């Protein structure tokens, strides 16, 4: 009888733990890409800074200038975009593997939009591609924060 009571108490305790524990929400692949790009929006994870690491034009490496070696893009969780050239704007990932940016260029007071194909993204590296009329350009960034 005592073993049966212990078994009931044990099952009750396990059931209590199972129902009272916080359930983790599963995010979509699209939301996951946004989190990798700019953070989750939670405490101390509200933006990611990406430093330019390399450029390929039609699969051929381009030697980075000293200025390009210092270039960084900041993607803030709420959709704000900033870079080291003092440009600002907005970003969005409207569909999987597609990054859209609207940029306000401070030096020229111009507004431009750019669409990138996200070749790959993880917690340490971001690879973007722009397909132009005559060439394709791949940009590789590493996380800087």
Foldseek 3Di string as FASTA:
>chain_A
DVVVVVVVVVVVVVVCCVVPDDDDDDDDPQLVVLCLQQNDCDPPGFKWKWQWDWKAKQNHTDDDDPVNRGKIWMAGSVFWIAIPQGKIWGWHDPDPQKIKTWIQRPVVRDIDIAIWGFPDTDNFKTWTWGDDPVIIMIIIITIDD
